[in-house]
Amino acid sequence: MITVTNFTKHYKGFAAVKDLSFKVRPGQILGLVGPNGAGKTTTLRALCGIVPPTSGHLLVAGHDIVKDPIAAKQNLGYIPDDPRLFDTLTVWEHLAFTAAAYRVANFERQAEALLQSFELSHKRDTLVHNLSRGMRQKVAIACAFLHDPKVILFDEPLTGLDPQGIRGIQQAIRERARDGAAVIISSHLLSLFETLCTHVMVLNLGECRRFGTMGDILTEFGQSDSNSALEAAYFTITQDKQMGEV
């Protein structure tokens, strides 16, 4: 579903991402982790077609995001870390607008189900500028799910959510993956990855330091499956690279 080949992105001579290649298959959930400035958000934005690659190829559901952007985006759902919603539209109007943009016929039933799933039914007719940060995040996710995308990208999906909201979003992500979606999650919450992700990629200074299944990453560093296992592996990977750069 997601294929990235030799992706490089330069900003005024600075390499934000360097020769990155990986795949995410249907049903897999990839956790993208790394220090600030590692290239995580740049990679997600390139997959969405927001920023063009300097070189390399990025395929979404078999469609090149540069050469065939409309077909790629029809199969894509993207939730940024700070979703830009329309302050003068209600929650329901956001869903209706999204349905029109993606040409989703008879969207009402699916929209009502999403409102119920994300506990937004009682806010159906509320203007989004009157919603809390966490509820706005839920609206953005509901809109991203409405057209049943085959590829879903999250950049810090749990920002502003309470514990109940976090549990609901995690369950929704698992359900989408079980239905065959390929998911990438960028987050600094390593505990989220341990309980949710099937695969992990560690980025540092724009380069892939490790990519593999969660079990492979933990086994490589001799860690057991515990709350601190991935954290210990993460610091070992990133600190080794930083020491090599000194």
C-alpha atoms as a PDB file:
ATOM      1  CA  MET A   1       0.000   0.000   0.000  1.00  0.00           C
ATOM      2  CA  ILE A   2       2.880   2.367   0.764  1.00  0.00           C
ATOM      3  CA  THR A   3       6.162   2.157  -1.113  1.00  0.00           C
ATOM      4  CA  VAL A   4       8.927   4.712  -0.604  1.00  0.00           C
ATOM      5  CA  THR A   5      12.049   4.313  -2.744  1.00  0.00           C
ATOM      6  CA  ASN A   6      15.227   6.387  -2.347  1.00  0.00           C
ATOM      7  CA  PHE A   7      13.281   9.390  -1.066  1.00  0.00           C
ATOM      8  CA  THR A   8      15.416  12.473  -0.462  1.00  0.00           C
ATOM      9  CA  LYS A   9      14.241  15.956   0.467  1.00  0.00           C
ATOM     10  CA  HIS A  10      16.463  19.050   0.500  1.00  0.00           C
ATOM     11  CA  TYR A  11      15.552  22.461   1.902  1.00  0.00           C
ATOM     12  CA  LYS A  12      17.970  25.123   0.615  1.00  0.00           C
ATOM     13  CA  GLY A  13      20.811  22.632   0.537  1.00  0.00           C
ATOM     14  CA  PHE A  14      19.925  20.973   3.849  1.00  0.00           C
ATOM     15  CA  ALA A  15      18.972  17.284   3.595  1.00  0.00           C
ATOM     16  CA  ALA A  16      15.902  16.778   5.790  1.00  0.00           C
ATOM     17  CA  VAL A  17      15.557  13.179   4.579  1.00  0.00           C
ATOM     18  CA  LYS A  18      18.312  11.131   2.930  1.00  0.00           C
ATOM     19  CA  ASP A  19      17.752   8.182   0.583  1.00  0.00           C
ATOM     20  CA  LEU A  20      14.859   6.676   2.544  1.00  0.00           C
ATOM     21  CA  SER A  21      13.236   3.403   1.384  1.00  0.00           C
ATOM     22  CA  PHE A  22      10.548   1.292   3.059  1.00  0.00           C
ATOM     23  CA  LYS A  23       7.202  -0.432   2.512  1.00  0.00           C
ATOM     24  CA  VAL A  24       4.022  -0.719   4.565  1.00  0.00           C
ATOM     25  CA  ARG A  25       1.676  -3.531   3.554  1.00  0.00           C
ATOM     26  CA  PRO A  26      -2.094  -3.833   4.105  1.00  0.00           C
ATOM     27  CA  GLY A  27      -2.887  -4.461   7.757  1.00  0.00           C
ATOM     28  CA  GLN A  28       0.443  -3.187   9.030  1.00  0.00           C
ATOM     29  CA  ILE A  29       0.827  -0.268  11.445  1.00  0.00           C
ATOM     30  CA  LEU A  30       4.204   1.440  11.242  1.00  0.00           C
ATOM     31  CA  GLY A  31       5.410   3.588  14.096  1.00  0.00           C
ATOM     32  CA  LEU A  32       7.666   6.401  12.904  1.00  0.00           C
ATOM     33  CA  VAL A  33       9.889   7.648  15.708  1.00  0.00           C
ATOM     34  CA  GLY A  34      12.906   9.915  16.030  1.00  0.00           C
ATOM     35  CA  PRO A  35      14.190  13.139  17.624  1.00  0.00           C
ATOM     36  CA  ASN A  36      12.887  16.539  16.586  1.00  0.00           C
ATOM     37  CA  GLY A  37      14.131  17.300  13.101  1.00  0.00           C
ATOM     38  CA  ALA A  38      14.654  13.638  12.209  1.00  0.00           C
ATOM     39  CA  GLY A  39      12.496  13.889   9.062  1.00  0.00           C
ATOM     40  CA  LYS A  40       9.266  12.287  10.265  1.00  0.00           C
ATOM     41  CA  THR A  41       6.838  15.057   9.323  1.00  0.00           C
ATOM     42  CA  THR A  42       8.677  15.727   6.058  1.00  0.00           C
ATOM     43  CA  THR A  43       8.204  12.079   5.099  1.00  0.00           C
ATOM     44  CA  LEU A  44       4.476  12.159   5.882  1.00  0.00           C
ATOM     45  CA  ARG A  45       3.958  15.436   4.016  1.00  0.00           C
ATOM     46  CA  ALA A  46       5.785  14.073   0.993  1.00  0.00           C
ATOM     47  CA  LEU A  47       3.565  10.977   0.991  1.00  0.00           C
ATOM     48  CA  CYS A  48       0.550  13.312   1.008  1.00  0.00           C
ATOM     49  CA  GLY A  49       1.861  15.406  -1.855  1.00  0.00           C
ATOM     50  CA  ILE A  50       2.203  18.517   0.318  1.00  0.00           C
ATOM     51  CA  VAL A  51       5.949  18.789  -0.269  1.00  0.00           C
ATOM     52  CA  PRO A  52       7.583  17.449  -3.450  1.00  0.00           C
ATOM     53  CA  PRO A  53      10.513  15.056  -3.161  1.00  0.00           C
ATOM     54  CA  THR A  54      13.911  16.277  -4.300  1.00  0.00           C
ATOM     55  CA  SER A  55      14.467  12.771  -5.627  1.00  0.00           C
ATOM     56  CA  GLY A  56      12.998   9.294  -5.262  1.00  0.00           C
ATOM     57  CA  HIS A  57       9.527   7.818  -5.639  1.00  0.00           C
ATOM     58  CA  LEU A  58       6.557   7.608  -3.263  1.00  0.00           C
ATOM     59  CA  LEU A  59       3.619   5.331  -4.086  1.00  0.00           C
ATOM     60  CA  VAL A  60       0.249   5.350  -2.322  1.00  0.00           C
ATOM     61  CA  ALA A  61      -1.929   2.334  -3.149  1.00  0.00           C
ATOM     62  CA  GLY A  62       0.148   1.854  -6.296  1.00  0.00           C
ATOM     63  CA  HIS A  63      -0.139   5.475  -7.459  1.00  0.00           C
ATOM     64  CA  ASP A  64       2.827   7.831  -7.693  1.00  0.00           C
ATOM     65  CA  ILE A  65       2.053  10.853  -5.521  1.00  0.00           C
ATOM     66  CA  VAL A  66       3.888  13.166  -7.957  1.00  0.00           C
ATOM     67  CA  LYS A  67       2.780  11.724 -11.312  1.00  0.00           C
ATOM     68  CA  ASP A  68      -0.759  10.683 -10.336  1.00  0.00           C
ATOM     69  CA  PRO A  69      -1.658  12.804  -7.277  1.00  0.00           C
ATOM     70  CA  ILE A  70      -5.457  12.673  -7.585  1.00  0.00           C
ATOM     71  CA  ALA A  71      -5.615   8.864  -7.682  1.00  0.00           C
ATOM     72  CA  ALA A  72      -3.109   8.649  -4.816  1.00  0.00           C
ATOM     73  CA  LYS A  73      -5.019  11.104  -2.625  1.00  0.00           C
ATOM     74  CA  GLN A  74      -8.325   9.312  -3.271  1.00  0.00           C
ATOM     75  CA  ASN A  75      -6.819   6.402  -1.356  1.00  0.00           C
ATOM     76  CA  LEU A  76      -5.253   8.508   1.370  1.00  0.00           C
ATOM     77  CA  GLY A  77      -6.289   9.849   4.755  1.00  0.00           C
ATOM     78  CA  TYR A  78      -3.959  12.296   6.530  1.00  0.00           C
ATOM     79  CA  ILE A  79      -4.302  13.712  10.036  1.00  0.00           C
ATOM     80  CA  PRO A  80      -1.628  16.354  10.804  1.00  0.00           C
ATOM     81  CA  ASP A  81      -0.546  17.265  14.315  1.00  0.00           C
ATOM     82  CA  ASP A  82      -2.538  20.519  14.162  1.00  0.00           C
ATOM     83  CA  PRO A  83      -5.534  19.965  11.864  1.00  0.00           C
ATOM     84  CA  ARG A  84      -6.748  23.078  10.052  1.00  0.00           C
ATOM     85  CA  LEU A  85     -10.522  22.977  10.261  1.00  0.00           C
ATOM     86  CA  PHE A  86     -13.094  25.519   9.112  1.00  0.00           C
ATOM     87  CA  ASP A  87     -14.120  27.572  12.124  1.00  0.00           C
ATOM     88  CA  THR A  88     -17.453  28.613  10.609  1.00  0.00           C
ATOM     89  CA  LEU A  89     -18.582  25.060   9.784  1.00  0.00           C
ATOM     90  CA  THR A  90     -20.250  22.640  12.145  1.00  0.00           C
ATOM     91  CA  VAL A  91     -19.001  19.121  12.781  1.00  0.00           C
ATOM     92  CA  TRP A  92     -21.624  17.685  10.425  1.00  0.00           C
ATOM     93  CA  GLU A  93     -20.829  20.262   7.748  1.00  0.00           C
ATOM     94  CA  HIS A  94     -17.189  19.157   7.851  1.00  0.00           C
ATOM     95  CA  LEU A  95     -18.271  15.600   7.105  1.00  0.00           C
ATOM     96  CA  ALA A  96     -20.597  16.762   4.327  1.00  0.00           C
ATOM     97  CA  PHE A  97     -17.832  18.860   2.780  1.00  0.00           C
ATOM     98  CA  THR A  98     -15.401  15.927   2.943  1.00  0.00           C
ATOM     99  CA  ALA A  99     -17.975  13.641   1.331  1.00  0.00           C
ATOM    100  CA  ALA A 100     -18.416  16.114  -1.520  1.00  0.00           C
ATOM    101  CA  ALA A 101     -14.666  16.497  -2.011  1.00  0.00           C
ATOM    102  CA  TYR A 102     -14.129  12.738  -2.208  1.00  0.00           C
ATOM    103  CA  ARG A 103     -17.423  12.075  -4.026  1.00  0.00           C
ATOM    104  CA  VAL A 104     -18.735   9.775  -1.321  1.00  0.00           C
ATOM    105  CA  ALA A 105     -22.348   9.005  -2.233  1.00  0.00           C
ATOM    106  CA  ASN A 106     -24.930   8.449   0.519  1.00  0.00           C
ATOM    107  CA  PHE A 107     -22.387   9.375   3.153  1.00  0.00           C
ATOM    108  CA  GLU A 108     -24.881  10.037   5.930  1.00  0.00           C
ATOM    109  CA  ARG A 109     -24.934   6.540   7.427  1.00  0.00           C
ATOM    110  CA  GLN A 110     -21.156   6.290   7.508  1.00  0.00           C
ATOM    111  CA  ALA A 111     -20.886   9.810   8.936  1.00  0.00           C
ATOM    112  CA  GLU A 112     -23.354   9.059  11.715  1.00  0.00           C
ATOM    113  CA  ALA A 113     -21.396   5.905  12.598  1.00  0.00           C
ATOM    114  CA  LEU A 114     -18.163   7.900  12.806  1.00  0.00           C
ATOM    115  CA  LEU A 115     -19.775  10.520  15.035  1.00  0.00           C
ATOM    116  CA  GLN A 116     -20.942   7.782  17.369  1.00  0.00           C
ATOM    117  CA  SER A 117     -17.584   5.996  17.308  1.00  0.00           C
ATOM    118  CA  PHE A 118     -15.714   9.168  18.270  1.00  0.00           C
ATOM    119  CA  GLU A 119     -18.353  10.336  20.760  1.00  0.00           C
ATOM    120  CA  LEU A 120     -19.216  13.409  18.708  1.00  0.00           C
ATOM    121  CA  SER A 121     -22.929  12.833  18.138  1.00  0.00           C
ATOM    122  CA  HIS A 122     -23.895  15.432  20.743  1.00  0.00           C
ATOM    123  CA  LYS A 123     -21.619  17.972  18.978  1.00  0.00           C
ATOM    124  CA  ARG A 124     -23.077  17.303  15.522  1.00  0.00           C
ATOM    125  CA  ASP A 125     -24.326  20.860  15.003  1.00  0.00           C
ATOM    126  CA  THR A 126     -21.586  22.673  16.936  1.00  0.00           C
ATOM    127  CA  LEU A 127     -19.194  25.058  15.181  1.00  0.00           C
ATOM    128  CA  VAL A 128     -15.708  23.584  15.412  1.00  0.00           C
ATOM    129  CA  HIS A 129     -14.178  26.752  16.866  1.00  0.00           C
ATOM    130  CA  ASN A 130     -16.276  26.032  19.961  1.00  0.00           C
ATOM    131  CA  LEU A 131     -14.757  22.578  20.390  1.00  0.00           C
ATOM    132  CA  SER A 132     -11.863  21.562  22.602  1.00  0.00           C
ATOM    133  CA  ARG A 133      -8.484  20.655  21.096  1.00  0.00           C
ATOM    134  CA  GLY A 134      -9.196  16.957  21.566  1.00  0.00           C
ATOM    135  CA  MET A 135     -12.624  17.134  19.930  1.00  0.00           C
ATOM    136  CA  ARG A 136     -11.206  19.011  16.959  1.00  0.00           C
ATOM    137  CA  GLN A 137      -8.707  16.185  16.599  1.00  0.00           C
ATOM    138  CA  LYS A 138     -11.559  13.682  16.563  1.00  0.00           C
ATOM    139  CA  VAL A 139     -13.374  15.669  13.879  1.00  0.00           C
ATOM    140  CA  ALA A 140     -10.248  15.612  11.704  1.00  0.00           C
ATOM    141  CA  ILE A 141      -9.896  11.852  12.117  1.00  0.00           C
ATOM    142  CA  ALA A 142     -13.579  11.247  11.372  1.00  0.00           C
ATOM    143  CA  CYS A 143     -13.249  13.278   8.157  1.00  0.00           C
ATOM    144  CA  ALA A 144     -10.110  11.374   7.177  1.00  0.00           C
ATOM    145  CA  PHE A 145     -11.900   8.046   7.680  1.00  0.00           C
ATOM    146  CA  LEU A 146     -15.082   8.967   5.812  1.00  0.00           C
ATOM    147  CA  HIS A 147     -13.964   7.818   2.348  1.00  0.00           C
ATOM    148  CA  ASP A 148     -12.461   4.542   3.684  1.00  0.00           C
ATOM    149  CA  PRO A 149      -8.858   5.279   2.676  1.00  0.00           C
ATOM    150  CA  LYS A 150      -6.465   2.409   2.035  1.00  0.00           C
ATOM    151  CA  VAL A 151      -3.572   4.426   3.473  1.00  0.00           C
ATOM    152  CA  ILE A 152      -3.835   6.437   6.707  1.00  0.00           C
ATOM    153  CA  LEU A 153      -1.117   8.759   8.018  1.00  0.00           C
ATOM    154  CA  PHE A 154      -1.139  10.193  11.539  1.00  0.00           C
ATOM    155  CA  ASP A 155       1.193  12.914  12.817  1.00  0.00           C
ATOM    156  CA  GLU A 156       0.899  12.935  16.633  1.00  0.00           C
ATOM    157  CA  PRO A 157      -2.693  11.615  16.630  1.00  0.00           C
ATOM    158  CA  LEU A 158      -3.266  11.732  20.397  1.00  0.00           C
ATOM    159  CA  THR A 159      -2.590  15.446  20.972  1.00  0.00           C
ATOM    160  CA  GLY A 160      -5.190  16.940  23.286  1.00  0.00           C
ATOM    161  CA  LEU A 161      -7.116  13.710  23.870  1.00  0.00           C
ATOM    162  CA  ASP A 162      -8.225  12.474  27.263  1.00  0.00           C
ATOM    163  CA  PRO A 163      -7.630   8.819  28.289  1.00  0.00           C
ATOM    164  CA  GLN A 164     -11.028   7.730  26.971  1.00  0.00           C
ATOM    165  CA  GLY A 165     -10.383   9.483  23.668  1.00  0.00           C
ATOM    166  CA  ILE A 166      -6.941   7.883  23.388  1.00  0.00           C
ATOM    167  CA  ARG A 167      -8.412   4.431  23.862  1.00  0.00           C
ATOM    168  CA  GLY A 168     -11.083   5.132  21.248  1.00  0.00           C
ATOM    169  CA  ILE A 169      -8.552   6.343  18.653  1.00  0.00           C
ATOM    170  CA  GLN A 170      -6.317   3.328  19.262  1.00  0.00           C
ATOM    171  CA  GLN A 171      -9.245   0.997  18.736  1.00  0.00           C
ATOM    172  CA  ALA A 172     -10.246   2.822  15.554  1.00  0.00           C
ATOM    173  CA  ILE A 173      -6.713   2.475  14.182  1.00  0.00           C
ATOM    174  CA  ARG A 174      -6.664  -1.254  14.933  1.00  0.00           C
ATOM    175  CA  GLU A 175     -10.015  -1.709  13.207  1.00  0.00           C
ATOM    176  CA  ARG A 176      -8.850   0.117  10.083  1.00  0.00           C
ATOM    177  CA  ALA A 177      -5.713  -2.028   9.933  1.00  0.00           C
ATOM    178  CA  ARG A 178      -7.770  -5.207  10.379  1.00  0.00           C
ATOM    179  CA  ASP A 179      -9.893  -4.078   7.438  1.00  0.00           C
ATOM    180  CA  GLY A 180      -6.743  -3.881   5.286  1.00  0.00           C
ATOM    181  CA  ALA A 181      -5.520  -0.297   5.593  1.00  0.00           C
ATOM    182  CA  ALA A 182      -1.810   0.490   5.794  1.00  0.00           C
ATOM    183  CA  VAL A 183      -1.146   2.922   8.650  1.00  0.00           C
ATOM    184  CA  ILE A 184       1.800   5.128   9.603  1.00  0.00           C
ATOM    185  CA  ILE A 185       1.873   6.876  12.977  1.00  0.00           C
ATOM    186  CA  SER A 186       4.462   9.507  13.868  1.00  0.00           C
ATOM    187  CA  SER A 187       4.666  10.159  17.587  1.00  0.00           C
ATOM    188  CA  HIS A 188       7.017  10.730  20.496  1.00  0.00           C
ATOM    189  CA  LEU A 189       4.867   8.463  22.695  1.00  0.00           C
ATOM    190  CA  LEU A 190       6.862   5.236  22.590  1.00  0.00           C
ATOM    191  CA  SER A 191       4.359   3.469  24.824  1.00  0.00           C
ATOM    192  CA  LEU A 192       1.756   3.987  22.083  1.00  0.00           C
ATOM    193  CA  PHE A 193       3.943   2.090  19.622  1.00  0.00           C
ATOM    194  CA  GLU A 194       4.484  -0.871  21.919  1.00  0.00           C
ATOM    195  CA  THR A 195       0.764  -1.453  22.318  1.00  0.00           C
ATOM    196  CA  LEU A 196      -0.358  -0.577  18.793  1.00  0.00           C
ATOM    197  CA  CYS A 197       2.274  -0.900  16.064  1.00  0.00           C
ATOM    198  CA  THR A 198       3.336  -3.981  14.150  1.00  0.00           C
ATOM    199  CA  HIS A 199       6.497  -2.317  12.794  1.00  0.00           C
ATOM    200  CA  VAL A 200       8.856   0.470  13.840  1.00  0.00           C
ATOM    201  CA  MET A 201      11.153   2.812  11.936  1.00  0.00           C
ATOM    202  CA  VAL A 202      13.701   4.909  13.809  1.00  0.00           C
ATOM    203  CA  LEU A 203      14.784   8.064  11.961  1.00  0.00           C
ATOM    204  CA  ASN A 204      17.676  10.248  13.008  1.00  0.00           C
ATOM    205  CA  LEU A 205      19.241  13.161  11.117  1.00  0.00           C
ATOM    206  CA  GLY A 206      17.117  12.300   8.096  1.00  0.00           C
ATOM    207  CA  GLU A 207      18.297   8.708   7.857  1.00  0.00           C
ATOM    208  CA  CYS A 208      16.679   5.376   8.667  1.00  0.00           C
ATOM    209  CA  ARG A 209      18.555   3.863  11.594  1.00  0.00           C
ATOM    210  CA  ARG A 210      16.336   0.805  12.075  1.00  0.00           C
ATOM    211  CA  PHE A 211      13.265  -0.643  10.363  1.00  0.00           C
ATOM    212  CA  GLY A 212      11.561  -3.888  11.286  1.00  0.00           C
ATOM    213  CA  THR A 213       8.869  -5.574  13.295  1.00  0.00           C
ATOM    214  CA  MET A 214       8.405  -4.560  16.893  1.00  0.00           C
ATOM    215  CA  GLY A 215       9.670  -7.970  17.984  1.00  0.00           C
ATOM    216  CA  ASP A 216      12.784  -7.705  15.830  1.00  0.00           C
ATOM    217  CA  ILE A 217      13.680  -4.282  17.222  1.00  0.00           C
ATOM    218  CA  LEU A 218      13.293  -5.399  20.831  1.00  0.00           C
ATOM    219  CA  THR A 219      15.141  -8.675  20.242  1.00  0.00           C
ATOM    220  CA  GLU A 220      18.087  -6.917  18.584  1.00  0.00           C
ATOM    221  CA  PHE A 221      18.736  -4.897  21.705  1.00  0.00           C
ATOM    222  CA  GLY A 222      18.068  -7.706  24.126  1.00  0.00           C
ATOM    223  CA  GLN A 223      14.977  -6.093  25.553  1.00  0.00           C
ATOM    224  CA  SER A 224      11.951  -7.910  26.895  1.00  0.00           C
ATOM    225  CA  ASP A 225       8.414  -6.801  26.055  1.00  0.00           C
ATOM    226  CA  SER A 226       7.959  -4.238  28.825  1.00  0.00           C
ATOM    227  CA  ASN A 227       6.943  -0.616  29.147  1.00  0.00           C
ATOM    228  CA  SER A 228      10.570   0.562  28.891  1.00  0.00           C
ATOM    229  CA  ALA A 229      11.790  -1.862  26.207  1.00  0.00           C
ATOM    230  CA  LEU A 230      11.267   0.284  23.129  1.00  0.00           C
ATOM    231  CA  GLU A 231      12.449   3.368  24.981  1.00  0.00           C
ATOM    232  CA  ALA A 232      15.760   1.652  25.797  1.00  0.00           C
ATOM    233  CA  ALA A 233      16.167   0.502  22.183  1.00  0.00           C
ATOM    234  CA  TYR A 234      15.299   3.972  20.883  1.00  0.00           C
ATOM    235  CA  PHE A 235      17.924   5.753  22.977  1.00  0.00           C
ATOM    236  CA  THR A 236      20.553   3.176  22.078  1.00  0.00           C
ATOM    237  CA  ILE A 237      19.884   3.629  18.344  1.00  0.00           C
ATOM    238  CA  THR A 238      19.742   7.430  18.323  1.00  0.00           C
ATOM    239  CA  GLN A 239      22.646   7.980  20.725  1.00  0.00           C
ATOM    240  CA  ASP A 240      24.903   5.685  18.737  1.00  0.00           C
ATOM    241  CA  LYS A 241      24.287   7.800  15.638  1.00  0.00           C
ATOM    242  CA  GLN A 242      24.792  11.080  17.447  1.00  0.00           C
ATOM    243  CA  MET A 243      28.094   9.865  18.903  1.00  0.00           C
ATOM    244  CA  GLY A 244      29.209   8.842  15.424  1.00  0.00           C
ATOM    245  CA  GLU A 245      28.534  12.364  14.153  1.00  0.00           C
ATOM    246  CA  VAL A 246      30.687  14.065  16.810  1.00  0.00           C
END
